[in-house]
Protein backbone atom coordinates (compact mmCIF):
# COMPACT_ATOMS: atom_id res chain seq x y z
CA MET A 1 0.31 0.20 -0.17
CA GLY A 2 1.16 3.53 -1.08
CA THR A 3 1.29 6.56 1.12
CA GLU A 4 -0.04 9.74 -0.01
CA ALA A 5 0.28 13.32 1.74
CA PHE A 6 -2.13 15.71 2.54
CA SER A 7 -2.57 18.97 4.54
CA VAL A 8 -4.32 19.44 7.64
CA ARG A 9 -4.66 22.75 9.20
CA THR A 10 -5.13 22.85 13.00
CA ASP A 11 -4.61 25.81 15.70
CA SER A 12 -1.48 26.01 16.95
CA LYS A 13 -2.33 25.12 20.67
CA LYS A 14 -2.94 21.76 19.20
CA VAL A 15 0.21 21.77 16.92
CA LYS A 16 1.85 22.09 20.26
CA GLN A 17 0.04 19.33 22.33
CA LEU A 18 0.99 17.05 19.32
CA ASP A 19 4.69 18.13 19.01
CA ARG A 20 4.96 17.63 22.95
CA ILE A 21 3.46 14.12 22.99
CA ALA A 22 5.48 12.57 19.73
CA LYS A 23 8.73 14.24 22.17
CA GLN A 24 7.40 12.30 24.62
CA GLN A 25 7.16 8.88 22.86
CA ASP A 26 10.25 9.41 20.93
CA ARG A 27 7.73 9.08 17.73
CA SER A 28 7.19 12.03 14.91
CA ARG A 29 4.09 14.03 14.67
CA ASN A 30 3.44 12.09 11.37
CA TYR A 31 3.13 8.72 13.22
CA LEU A 32 0.87 10.37 15.68
CA VAL A 33 -1.51 12.14 13.20
CA ASN A 34 -1.52 8.24 11.36
CA GLN A 35 -1.80 6.54 14.70
CA ALA A 36 -5.18 8.69 15.36
CA ILE A 37 -6.43 8.30 11.71
CA ASP A 38 -6.22 4.31 12.29
CA GLN A 39 -8.31 4.57 15.09
CA LEU A 40 -10.67 7.27 13.99
CA LEU A 41 -11.19 4.65 11.20
CA GLU A 42 -11.14 1.34 13.37
CA LEU A 43 -13.72 3.07 15.93
CA HIS A 44 -15.83 4.41 12.68
CA ALA A 45 -16.04 0.59 11.23
CA TRP A 46 -16.86 -0.76 14.70
CA GLN A 47 -19.89 1.50 15.13
CA SER A 48 -21.24 0.87 11.49
CA GLU A 49 -21.06 -2.50 12.50
CA ARG A 50 -23.05 -2.14 15.35
CA VAL A 51 -25.38 -0.14 13.69
CA LYS A 52 -25.81 -2.68 10.62
CA GLU A 53 -26.42 -5.50 13.70
CA GLY A 54 -29.04 -3.13 14.98
CA ILE A 55 -30.93 -2.65 11.89
CA LYS A 56 -31.29 -6.03 11.35
CA ALA A 57 -32.51 -7.29 14.48
CA ALA A 58 -34.98 -4.28 14.45
CA ASP A 59 -36.33 -5.78 10.93
CA LYS A 60 -36.74 -9.07 12.51
CA GLY A 61 -38.84 -7.16 15.38
CA ARG A 62 -36.47 -7.92 18.31
CA PHE A 63 -36.21 -5.39 19.96
CA ALA A 64 -35.96 -4.73 24.19
CA SER A 65 -39.22 -5.19 26.42
CA ASP A 66 -40.06 -2.33 28.08
CA ALA A 67 -39.15 -4.32 31.71
CA ASP A 68 -35.64 -4.36 29.86
CA LEU A 69 -35.53 -0.51 29.69
CA ALA A 70 -36.59 0.11 32.63
CA ARG A 71 -34.09 -1.95 34.69
CA LEU A 72 -31.84 -0.27 32.21
CA PHE A 73 -32.83 3.40 32.88
CA ASN A 74 -33.05 2.27 37.08
CA LYS A 75 -29.70 0.93 36.84
CA TYR A 76 -28.66 4.16 35.58
CA GLU A 77 -30.52 6.54 37.71
CA SER A 78 -29.13 5.06 40.86
CA ALA A 79 -25.86 5.54 40.47
């Protein structure tokens, strides 16, 4: 797989923070940005797959019952 250059504009504060992290990890700014892109793409793929699974379940009529939802809401309400 080849590589391709592209430009990203962001504020100076973020660039300084990125450079600080790169220095701490003895990595390049480019390496860190590529790691962030990889994580974003993986997260997006995971989320998309979960949504597809949810749509399939809904199409089959598989929904949480009112009791299931009440238990879930009560679990977090008392936390």
